């Protein structure tokens, strides 16, 4: 899959509220906050199912009500359309 150029990446991120490019980790990232751990874990479960279906898995961390997500297509060396598609699905899940 082709890595998105800077302009393509910026255009894609413009349609994904709160997602930013993390140059140090060569991916797109967003933090989500929930009412409590149960809501955060339920969100992660729904994202895990979507990620498995897409065969594209996030780097993420969870502490109590917070979930930090980084998406990068490591096999291709950066951000691809696959990352943008999964980010859009994560947004849909987050509602």
PDB file of N, CA and C in Angstrom:
ATOM      1  N   UNK A   1       0.841  -1.167   0.000  1.00  0.00           N
ATOM      2  CA  UNK A   1       0.000   0.000   0.000  1.00  0.00           C
ATOM      3  C   UNK A   1       0.897   1.245   0.000  1.00  0.00           C
ATOM      4  N   UNK A   2       0.497   2.252  -0.733  1.00  0.00           N
ATOM      5  CA  UNK A   2       1.309   3.458  -0.866  1.00  0.00           C
ATOM      6  C   UNK A   2       1.207   4.367   0.360  1.00  0.00           C
ATOM      7  N   UNK A   3       2.351   4.868   0.782  1.00  0.00           N
ATOM      8  CA  UNK A   3       2.392   5.842   1.873  1.00  0.00           C
ATOM      9  C   UNK A   3       1.803   7.161   1.370  1.00  0.00           C
ATOM     10  N   UNK A   4       0.980   7.789   2.200  1.00  0.00           N
ATOM     11  CA  UNK A   4       0.397   9.068   1.823  1.00  0.00           C
ATOM     12  C   UNK A   4       1.436  10.174   1.901  1.00  0.00           C
ATOM     13  N   UNK A   5       1.428  11.048   0.908  1.00  0.00           N
ATOM     14  CA  UNK A   5       2.297  12.214   0.944  1.00  0.00           C
ATOM     15  C   UNK A   5       1.780  13.204   1.976  1.00  0.00           C
ATOM     16  N   UNK A   6       2.563  14.214   2.258  1.00  0.00           N
ATOM     17  CA  UNK A   6       2.204  15.197   3.281  1.00  0.00           C
ATOM     18  C   UNK A   6       0.854  15.853   2.991  1.00  0.00           C
ATOM     19  N   UNK A   7       0.620  16.263   1.750  1.00  0.00           N
ATOM     20  CA  UNK A   7      -0.640  16.926   1.387  1.00  0.00           C
ATOM     21  C   UNK A   7      -1.814  15.958   1.480  1.00  0.00           C
ATOM     22  N   UNK A   8      -1.628  14.721   1.031  1.00  0.00           N
ATOM     23  CA  UNK A   8      -2.693  13.716   1.112  1.00  0.00           C
ATOM     24  C   UNK A   8      -3.038  13.415   2.568  1.00  0.00           C
ATOM     25  N   UNK A   9      -2.016  13.281   3.380  1.00  0.00           N
ATOM     26  CA  UNK A   9      -2.208  12.987   4.796  1.00  0.00           C
ATOM     27  C   UNK A   9      -2.948  14.141   5.480  1.00  0.00           C
ATOM     28  N   UNK A  10      -2.539  15.365   5.191  1.00  0.00           N
ATOM     29  CA  UNK A  10      -3.183  16.538   5.791  1.00  0.00           C
ATOM     30  C   UNK A  10      -4.649  16.630   5.372  1.00  0.00           C
ATOM     31  N   UNK A  11      -4.931  16.346   4.113  1.00  0.00           N
ATOM     32  CA  UNK A  11      -6.315  16.383   3.631  1.00  0.00           C
ATOM     33  C   UNK A  11      -7.151  15.312   4.322  1.00  0.00           C
ATOM     34  N   UNK A  12      -6.596  14.130   4.482  1.00  0.00           N
ATOM     35  CA  UNK A  12      -7.318  13.048   5.145  1.00  0.00           C
ATOM     36  C   UNK A  12      -7.570  13.379   6.611  1.00  0.00           C
ATOM     37  N   UNK A  13      -6.569  13.940   7.282  1.00  0.00           N
ATOM     38  CA  UNK A  13      -6.721  14.287   8.696  1.00  0.00           C
ATOM     39  C   UNK A  13      -7.727  15.411   8.903  1.00  0.00           C
ATOM     40  N   UNK A  14      -7.900  16.255   7.914  1.00  0.00           N
ATOM     41  CA  UNK A  14      -8.874  17.346   8.019  1.00  0.00           C
ATOM     42  C   UNK A  14     -10.284  16.794   8.219  1.00  0.00           C
ATOM     43  N   UNK A  15     -10.531  15.593   7.746  1.00  0.00           N
ATOM     44  CA  UNK A  15     -11.837  14.967   7.900  1.00  0.00           C
ATOM     45  C   UNK A  15     -11.958  14.071   9.125  1.00  0.00           C
ATOM     46  N   UNK A  16     -10.923  14.036   9.957  1.00  0.00           N
ATOM     47  CA  UNK A  16     -10.911  13.187  11.151  1.00  0.00           C
ATOM     48  C   UNK A  16     -10.643  14.057  12.377  1.00  0.00           C
ATOM     49  N   UNK A  17     -11.703  14.504  13.012  1.00  0.00           N
ATOM     50  CA  UNK A  17     -11.591  15.428  14.147  1.00  0.00           C
ATOM     51  C   UNK A  17     -10.699  14.873  15.256  1.00  0.00           C
ATOM     52  N   UNK A  18      -9.708  15.659  15.630  1.00  0.00           N
ATOM     53  CA  UNK A  18      -8.842  15.310  16.750  1.00  0.00           C
ATOM     54  C   UNK A  18      -7.654  14.427  16.423  1.00  0.00           C
ATOM     55  N   UNK A  19      -7.605  13.867  15.232  1.00  0.00           N
ATOM     56  CA  UNK A  19      -6.472  13.037  14.844  1.00  0.00           C
ATOM     57  C   UNK A  19      -5.339  13.942  14.379  1.00  0.00           C
ATOM     58  N   UNK A  20      -4.120  13.618  14.774  1.00  0.00           N
ATOM     59  CA  UNK A  20      -2.948  14.402  14.392  1.00  0.00           C
ATOM     60  C   UNK A  20      -1.854  13.479  13.868  1.00  0.00           C
ATOM     61  N   UNK A  21      -0.934  14.061  13.145  1.00  0.00           N
ATOM     62  CA  UNK A  21       0.216  13.302  12.661  1.00  0.00           C
ATOM     63  C   UNK A  21       1.301  13.350  13.720  1.00  0.00           C
ATOM     64  N   UNK A  22       1.804  12.204  14.101  1.00  0.00           N
ATOM     65  CA  UNK A  22       2.897  12.080  15.061  1.00  0.00           C
ATOM     66  C   UNK A  22       4.155  11.734  14.269  1.00  0.00           C
ATOM     67  N   UNK A  23       4.947  12.745  13.956  1.00  0.00           N
ATOM     68  CA  UNK A  23       6.134  12.555  13.122  1.00  0.00           C
ATOM     69  C   UNK A  23       7.156  11.634  13.783  1.00  0.00           C
ATOM     70  N   UNK A  24       7.285  11.713  15.100  1.00  0.00           N
ATOM     71  CA  UNK A  24       8.269  10.894  15.806  1.00  0.00           C
ATOM     72  C   UNK A  24       7.962   9.406  15.675  1.00  0.00           C
ATOM     73  N   UNK A  25       6.665   9.072  15.618  1.00  0.00           N
ATOM     74  CA  UNK A  25       6.279   7.663  15.517  1.00  0.00           C
ATOM     75  C   UNK A  25       5.728   7.322  14.135  1.00  0.00           C
ATOM     76  N   UNK A  26       5.737   8.303  13.223  1.00  0.00           N
ATOM     77  CA  UNK A  26       5.337   8.111  11.830  1.00  0.00           C
ATOM     78  C   UNK A  26       3.944   7.488  11.712  1.00  0.00           C
ATOM     79  N   UNK A  27       3.000   8.088  12.451  1.00  0.00           N
ATOM     80  CA  UNK A  27       1.637   7.589  12.416  1.00  0.00           C
ATOM     81  C   UNK A  27       0.651   8.683  12.764  1.00  0.00           C
ATOM     82  N   UNK A  28      -0.629   8.326  12.775  1.00  0.00           N
ATOM     83  CA  UNK A  28      -1.661   9.268  13.182  1.00  0.00           C
ATOM     84  C   UNK A  28      -2.170   8.846  14.548  1.00  0.00           C
ATOM     85  N   UNK A  29      -2.489   9.831  15.378  1.00  0.00           N
ATOM     86  CA  UNK A  29      -2.797   9.532  16.769  1.00  0.00           C
ATOM     87  C   UNK A  29      -3.988  10.341  17.277  1.00  0.00           C
ATOM     88  N   UNK A  30      -4.645   9.755  18.273  1.00  0.00           N
ATOM     89  CA  UNK A  30      -5.726  10.452  18.959  1.00  0.00           C
ATOM     90  C   UNK A  30      -5.907   9.832  20.333  1.00  0.00           C
ATOM     91  N   UNK A  31      -6.289  10.666  21.304  1.00  0.00           N
ATOM     92  CA  UNK A  31      -6.633  10.209  22.646  1.00  0.00           C
ATOM     93  C   UNK A  31      -8.139  10.312  22.823  1.00  0.00           C
ATOM     94  N   UNK A  32      -8.708   9.303  23.436  1.00  0.00           N
ATOM     95  CA  UNK A  32     -10.144   9.266  23.724  1.00  0.00           C
ATOM     96  C   UNK A  32     -10.323   9.176  25.228  1.00  0.00           C
ATOM     97  N   UNK A  33     -11.321   9.879  25.754  1.00  0.00           N
ATOM     98  CA  UNK A  33     -11.630   9.820  27.183  1.00  0.00           C
ATOM     99  C   UNK A  33     -13.080   9.387  27.355  1.00  0.00           C
ATOM    100  N   UNK A  34     -13.312   8.550  28.366  1.00  0.00           N
ATOM    101  CA  UNK A  34     -14.624   7.993  28.641  1.00  0.00           C
ATOM    102  C   UNK A  34     -14.991   8.234  30.097  1.00  0.00           C
ATOM    103  N   UNK A  35     -16.196   7.886  30.467  1.00  0.00           N
ATOM    104  CA  UNK A  35     -16.661   8.125  31.829  1.00  0.00           C
ATOM    105  C   UNK A  35     -15.909   7.280  32.854  1.00  0.00           C
ATOM    106  N   UNK A  36     -15.520   6.066  32.446  1.00  0.00           N
ATOM    107  CA  UNK A  36     -14.858   5.169  33.388  1.00  0.00           C
ATOM    108  C   UNK A  36     -14.126   4.060  32.620  1.00  0.00           C
ATOM    109  N   UNK A  37     -13.526   3.158  33.368  1.00  0.00           N
ATOM    110  CA  UNK A  37     -12.762   2.080  32.761  1.00  0.00           C
ATOM    111  C   UNK A  37     -13.644   1.158  31.928  1.00  0.00           C
ATOM    112  N   UNK A  38     -14.846   0.863  32.403  1.00  0.00           N
ATOM    113  CA  UNK A  38     -15.742  -0.030  31.670  1.00  0.00           C
ATOM    114  C   UNK A  38     -16.069   0.500  30.284  1.00  0.00           C
ATOM    115  N   UNK A  39     -16.342   1.788  30.183  1.00  0.00           N
ATOM    116  CA  UNK A  39     -16.626   2.383  28.873  1.00  0.00           C
ATOM    117  C   UNK A  39     -15.391   2.367  27.978  1.00  0.00           C
ATOM    118  N   UNK A  40     -14.234   2.659  28.560  1.00  0.00           N
ATOM    119  CA  UNK A  40     -12.993   2.639  27.778  1.00  0.00           C
ATOM    120  C   UNK A  40     -12.710   1.233  27.263  1.00  0.00           C
ATOM    121  N   UNK A  41     -12.893   0.234  28.112  1.00  0.00           N
ATOM    122  CA  UNK A  41     -12.632  -1.143  27.713  1.00  0.00           C
ATOM    123  C   UNK A  41     -13.633  -1.617  26.670  1.00  0.00           C
ATOM    124  N   UNK A  42     -14.893  -1.230  26.808  1.00  0.00           N
ATOM    125  CA  UNK A  42     -15.899  -1.593  25.811  1.00  0.00           C
ATOM    126  C   UNK A  42     -15.542  -0.996  24.454  1.00  0.00           C
ATOM    127  N   UNK A  43     -15.088   0.253  24.448  1.00  0.00           N
ATOM    128  CA  UNK A  43     -14.636   0.909  23.217  1.00  0.00           C
ATOM    129  C   UNK A  43     -13.481   0.131  22.606  1.00  0.00           C
ATOM    130  N   UNK A  44     -12.514  -0.242  23.426  1.00  0.00           N
ATOM    131  CA  UNK A  44     -11.361  -0.986  22.919  1.00  0.00           C
ATOM    132  C   UNK A  44     -11.786  -2.328  22.332  1.00  0.00           C
ATOM    133  N   UNK A  45     -12.759  -2.967  22.936  1.00  0.00           N
ATOM    134  CA  UNK A  45     -13.250  -4.242  22.418  1.00  0.00           C
ATOM    135  C   UNK A  45     -13.866  -4.065  21.040  1.00  0.00           C
ATOM    136  N   UNK A  46     -14.690  -3.027  20.880  1.00  0.00           N
ATOM    137  CA  UNK A  46     -15.316  -2.777  19.576  1.00  0.00           C
ATOM    138  C   UNK A  46     -14.258  -2.429  18.527  1.00  0.00           C
ATOM    139  N   UNK A  47     -13.258  -1.639  18.920  1.00  0.00           N
ATOM    140  CA  UNK A  47     -12.174  -1.289  17.986  1.00  0.00           C
ATOM    141  C   UNK A  47     -11.369  -2.532  17.636  1.00  0.00           C
ATOM    142  N   UNK A  48     -11.108  -3.385  18.607  1.00  0.00           N
ATOM    143  CA  UNK A  48     -10.338  -4.605  18.346  1.00  0.00           C
ATOM    144  C   UNK A  48     -11.036  -5.479  17.305  1.00  0.00           C
ATOM    145  N   UNK A  49     -12.349  -5.606  17.399  1.00  0.00           N
ATOM    146  CA  UNK A  49     -13.093  -6.402  16.424  1.00  0.00           C
ATOM    147  C   UNK A  49     -13.005  -5.784  15.024  1.00  0.00           C
ATOM    148  N   UNK A  50     -13.132  -4.467  14.942  1.00  0.00           N
ATOM    149  CA  UNK A  50     -13.022  -3.781  13.646  1.00  0.00           C
ATOM    150  C   UNK A  50     -11.611  -3.897  13.087  1.00  0.00           C
ATOM    151  N   UNK A  51     -10.618  -3.770  13.948  1.00  0.00           N
ATOM    152  CA  UNK A  51      -9.217  -3.861  13.516  1.00  0.00           C
ATOM    153  C   UNK A  51      -8.905  -5.262  13.003  1.00  0.00           C
ATOM    154  N   UNK A  52      -9.396  -6.267  13.690  1.00  0.00           N
ATOM    155  CA  UNK A  52      -9.164  -7.649  13.258  1.00  0.00           C
ATOM    156  C   UNK A  52      -9.821  -7.895  11.895  1.00  0.00           C
ATOM    157  N   UNK A  53     -11.031  -7.392  11.726  1.00  0.00           N
ATOM    158  CA  UNK A  53     -11.733  -7.542  10.454  1.00  0.00           C
ATOM    159  C   UNK A  53     -10.963  -6.860   9.318  1.00  0.00           C
ATOM    160  N   UNK A  54     -10.348  -5.715   9.615  1.00  0.00           N
ATOM    161  CA  UNK A  54      -9.584  -4.970   8.619  1.00  0.00           C
ATOM    162  C   UNK A  54      -8.162  -5.508   8.467  1.00  0.00           C
ATOM    163  N   UNK A  55      -7.771  -6.452   9.324  1.00  0.00           N
ATOM    164  CA  UNK A  55      -6.404  -6.973   9.368  1.00  0.00           C
ATOM    165  C   UNK A  55      -5.396  -5.828   9.502  1.00  0.00           C
ATOM    166  N   UNK A  56      -5.732  -4.919  10.418  1.00  0.00           N
ATOM    167  CA  UNK A  56      -4.877  -3.747  10.669  1.00  0.00           C
ATOM    168  C   UNK A  56      -5.015  -3.397  12.139  1.00  0.00           C
ATOM    169  N   UNK A  57      -3.935  -3.449  12.866  1.00  0.00           N
ATOM    170  CA  UNK A  57      -4.005  -3.395  14.322  1.00  0.00           C
ATOM    171  C   UNK A  57      -3.314  -2.152  14.881  1.00  0.00           C
ATOM    172  N   UNK A  58      -3.989  -1.465  15.795  1.00  0.00           N
ATOM    173  CA  UNK A  58      -3.448  -0.223  16.354  1.00  0.00           C
ATOM    174  C   UNK A  58      -2.384  -0.474  17.415  1.00  0.00           C
ATOM    175  N   UNK A  59      -1.581   0.543  17.618  1.00  0.00           N
ATOM    176  CA  UNK A  59      -0.769   0.618  18.834  1.00  0.00           C
ATOM    177  C   UNK A  59      -1.640   1.420  19.780  1.00  0.00           C
ATOM    178  N   UNK A  60      -1.836   0.918  20.988  1.00  0.00           N
ATOM    179  CA  UNK A  60      -2.674   1.672  21.897  1.00  0.00           C
ATOM    180  C   UNK A  60      -2.304   1.424  23.340  1.00  0.00           C
ATOM    181  N   UNK A  61      -2.795   2.332  24.180  1.00  0.00           N
ATOM    182  CA  UNK A  61      -2.569   2.229  25.611  1.00  0.00           C
ATOM    183  C   UNK A  61      -3.852   2.651  26.307  1.00  0.00           C
ATOM    184  N   UNK A  62      -4.106   2.024  27.445  1.00  0.00           N
ATOM    185  CA  UNK A  62      -5.289   2.339  28.229  1.00  0.00           C
ATOM    186  C   UNK A  62      -4.889   2.535  29.678  1.00  0.00           C
ATOM    187  N   UNK A  63      -5.308   3.652  30.239  1.00  0.00           N
ATOM    188  CA  UNK A  63      -5.193   3.897  31.669  1.00  0.00           C
ATOM    189  C   UNK A  63      -6.549   4.409  32.125  1.00  0.00           C
ATOM    190  N   UNK A  64      -7.199   3.651  32.972  1.00  0.00           N
ATOM    191  CA  UNK A  64      -8.517   3.901  33.503  1.00  0.00           C
ATOM    192  C   UNK A  64      -9.508   4.303  32.416  1.00  0.00           C
ATOM    193  N   UNK A  65      -9.815   5.602  32.263  1.00  0.00           N
ATOM    194  CA  UNK A  65     -10.847   6.017  31.301  1.00  0.00           C
ATOM    195  C   UNK A  65     -10.268   6.569  29.999  1.00  0.00           C
ATOM    196  N   UNK A  66      -8.981   6.458  29.818  1.00  0.00           N
ATOM    197  CA  UNK A  66      -8.313   7.055  28.652  1.00  0.00           C
ATOM    198  C   UNK A  66      -7.751   5.967  27.738  1.00  0.00           C
ATOM    199  N   UNK A  67      -7.943   6.158  26.425  1.00  0.00           N
ATOM    200  CA  UNK A  67      -7.381   5.251  25.427  1.00  0.00           C
ATOM    201  C   UNK A  67      -6.617   6.099  24.411  1.00  0.00           C
ATOM    202  N   UNK A  68      -5.333   5.839  24.282  1.00  0.00           N
ATOM    203  CA  UNK A  68      -4.483   6.510  23.292  1.00  0.00           C
ATOM    204  C   UNK A  68      -4.253   5.540  22.144  1.00  0.00           C
ATOM    205  N   UNK A  69      -4.471   6.028  20.915  1.00  0.00           N
ATOM    206  CA  UNK A  69      -4.334   5.169  19.740  1.00  0.00           C
ATOM    207  C   UNK A  69      -3.361   5.784  18.744  1.00  0.00           C
ATOM    208  N   UNK A  70      -2.483   4.968  18.192  1.00  0.00           N
ATOM    209  CA  UNK A  70      -1.592   5.351  17.100  1.00  0.00           C
ATOM    210  C   UNK A  70      -1.809   4.355  15.966  1.00  0.00           C
ATOM    211  N   UNK A  71      -1.996   4.875  14.770  1.00  0.00           N
ATOM    212  CA  UNK A  71      -2.139   4.033  13.584  1.00  0.00           C
ATOM    213  C   UNK A  71      -1.015   4.330  12.611  1.00  0.00           C
ATOM    214  N   UNK A  72      -0.364   3.289  12.153  1.00  0.00           N
ATOM    215  CA  UNK A  72       0.689   3.392  11.150  1.00  0.00           C
ATOM    216  C   UNK A  72       0.788   2.037  10.458  1.00  0.00           C
ATOM    217  N   UNK A  73       0.973   2.059   9.158  1.00  0.00           N
ATOM    218  CA  UNK A  73       1.153   0.806   8.434  1.00  0.00           C
ATOM    219  C   UNK A  73       2.649   0.510   8.447  1.00  0.00           C
ATOM    220  N   UNK A  74       3.095  -0.137   9.506  1.00  0.00           N
ATOM    221  CA  UNK A  74       4.526  -0.373   9.715  1.00  0.00           C
ATOM    222  C   UNK A  74       5.163  -1.142   8.565  1.00  0.00           C
ATOM    223  N   UNK A  75       4.424  -2.072   7.983  1.00  0.00           N
ATOM    224  CA  UNK A  75       4.985  -2.870   6.887  1.00  0.00           C
ATOM    225  C   UNK A  75       5.293  -2.013   5.662  1.00  0.00           C
ATOM    226  N   UNK A  76       4.623  -0.872   5.544  1.00  0.00           N
ATOM    227  CA  UNK A  76       4.875   0.028   4.411  1.00  0.00           C
ATOM    228  C   UNK A  76       5.672   1.262   4.814  1.00  0.00           C
ATOM    229  N   UNK A  77       5.911   1.431   6.105  1.00  0.00           N
ATOM    230  CA  UNK A  77       6.768   2.514   6.565  1.00  0.00           C
ATOM    231  C   UNK A  77       6.103   3.860   6.784  1.00  0.00           C
ATOM    232  N   UNK A  78       4.800   3.872   7.063  1.00  0.00           N
ATOM    233  CA  UNK A  78       4.155   5.157   7.337  1.00  0.00           C
ATOM    234  C   UNK A  78       2.647   5.081   7.251  1.00  0.00           C
ATOM    235  N   UNK A  79       2.046   6.243   7.083  1.00  0.00           N
ATOM    236  CA  UNK A  79       0.590   6.352   7.047  1.00  0.00           C
ATOM    237  C   UNK A  79       0.079   6.047   5.639  1.00  0.00           C
ATOM    238  N   UNK A  80      -0.887   5.128   5.578  1.00  0.00           N
ATOM    239  CA  UNK A  80      -1.491   4.747   4.304  1.00  0.00           C
ATOM    240  C   UNK A  80      -3.010   4.924   4.404  1.00  0.00           C
ATOM    241  N   UNK A  81      -3.682   4.657   3.303  1.00  0.00           N
ATOM    242  CA  UNK A  81      -5.143   4.725   3.281  1.00  0.00           C
ATOM    243  C   UNK A  81      -5.745   3.753   4.294  1.00  0.00           C
ATOM    244  N   UNK A  82      -5.045   2.677   4.595  1.00  0.00           N
ATOM    245  CA  UNK A  82      -5.512   1.703   5.578  1.00  0.00           C
ATOM    246  C   UNK A  82      -5.652   2.339   6.961  1.00  0.00           C
ATOM    247  N   UNK A  83      -4.709   3.207   7.313  1.00  0.00           N
ATOM    248  CA  UNK A  83      -4.768   3.910   8.600  1.00  0.00           C
ATOM    249  C   UNK A  83      -5.930   4.895   8.636  1.00  0.00           C
ATOM    250  N   UNK A  84      -6.123   5.595   7.540  1.00  0.00           N
ATOM    251  CA  UNK A  84      -7.211   6.571   7.460  1.00  0.00           C
ATOM    252  C   UNK A  84      -8.552   5.855   7.568  1.00  0.00           C
ATOM    253  N   UNK A  85      -8.707   4.737   6.890  1.00  0.00           N
ATOM    254  CA  UNK A  85      -9.956   3.974   6.936  1.00  0.00           C
ATOM    255  C   UNK A  85     -10.237   3.460   8.352  1.00  0.00           C
ATOM    256  N   UNK A  86      -9.211   2.953   9.031  1.00  0.00           N
ATOM    257  CA  UNK A  86      -9.425   2.457  10.388  1.00  0.00           C
ATOM    258  C   UNK A  86      -9.724   3.619  11.331  1.00  0.00           C
ATOM    259  N   UNK A  87      -9.065   4.748  11.164  1.00  0.00           N
ATOM    260  CA  UNK A  87      -9.361   5.920  11.991  1.00  0.00           C
ATOM    261  C   UNK A  87     -10.815   6.348  11.813  1.00  0.00           C
ATOM    262  N   UNK A  88     -11.309   6.337  10.582  1.00  0.00           N
ATOM    263  CA  UNK A  88     -12.700   6.696  10.329  1.00  0.00           C
ATOM    264  C   UNK A  88     -13.646   5.705  11.007  1.00  0.00           C
ATOM    265  N   UNK A  89     -13.307   4.428  10.982  1.00  0.00           N
ATOM    266  CA  UNK A  89     -14.135   3.421  11.646  1.00  0.00           C
ATOM    267  C   UNK A  89     -14.086   3.608  13.165  1.00  0.00           C
ATOM    268  N   UNK A  90     -12.927   3.942  13.697  1.00  0.00           N
ATOM    269  CA  UNK A  90     -12.801   4.211  15.132  1.00  0.00           C
ATOM    270  C   UNK A  90     -13.675   5.401  15.523  1.00  0.00           C
ATOM    271  N   UNK A  91     -13.689   6.420  14.696  1.00  0.00           N
ATOM    272  CA  UNK A  91     -14.555   7.576  14.946  1.00  0.00           C
ATOM    273  C   UNK A  91     -16.022   7.159  14.963  1.00  0.00           C
ATOM    274  N   UNK A  92     -16.405   6.295  14.033  1.00  0.00           N
ATOM    275  CA  UNK A  92     -17.779   5.823  13.993  1.00  0.00           C
ATOM    276  C   UNK A  92     -18.107   5.064  15.269  1.00  0.00           C
ATOM    277  N   UNK A  93     -17.201   4.231  15.717  1.00  0.00           N
ATOM    278  CA  UNK A  93     -17.391   3.453  16.944  1.00  0.00           C
ATOM    279  C   UNK A  93     -17.496   4.378  18.161  1.00  0.00           C
ATOM    280  N   UNK A  94     -16.637   5.386  18.203  1.00  0.00           N
ATOM    281  CA  UNK A  94     -16.626   6.317  19.338  1.00  0.00           C
ATOM    282  C   UNK A  94     -17.919   7.128  19.404  1.00  0.00           C
ATOM    283  N   UNK A  95     -18.531   7.295  18.205  1.00  0.00           N
ATOM    284  CA  UNK A  95     -19.814   7.978  18.102  1.00  0.00           C
ATOM    285  C   UNK A  95     -19.768   9.367  18.586  1.00  0.00           C
TER     286      UNK A  95
END
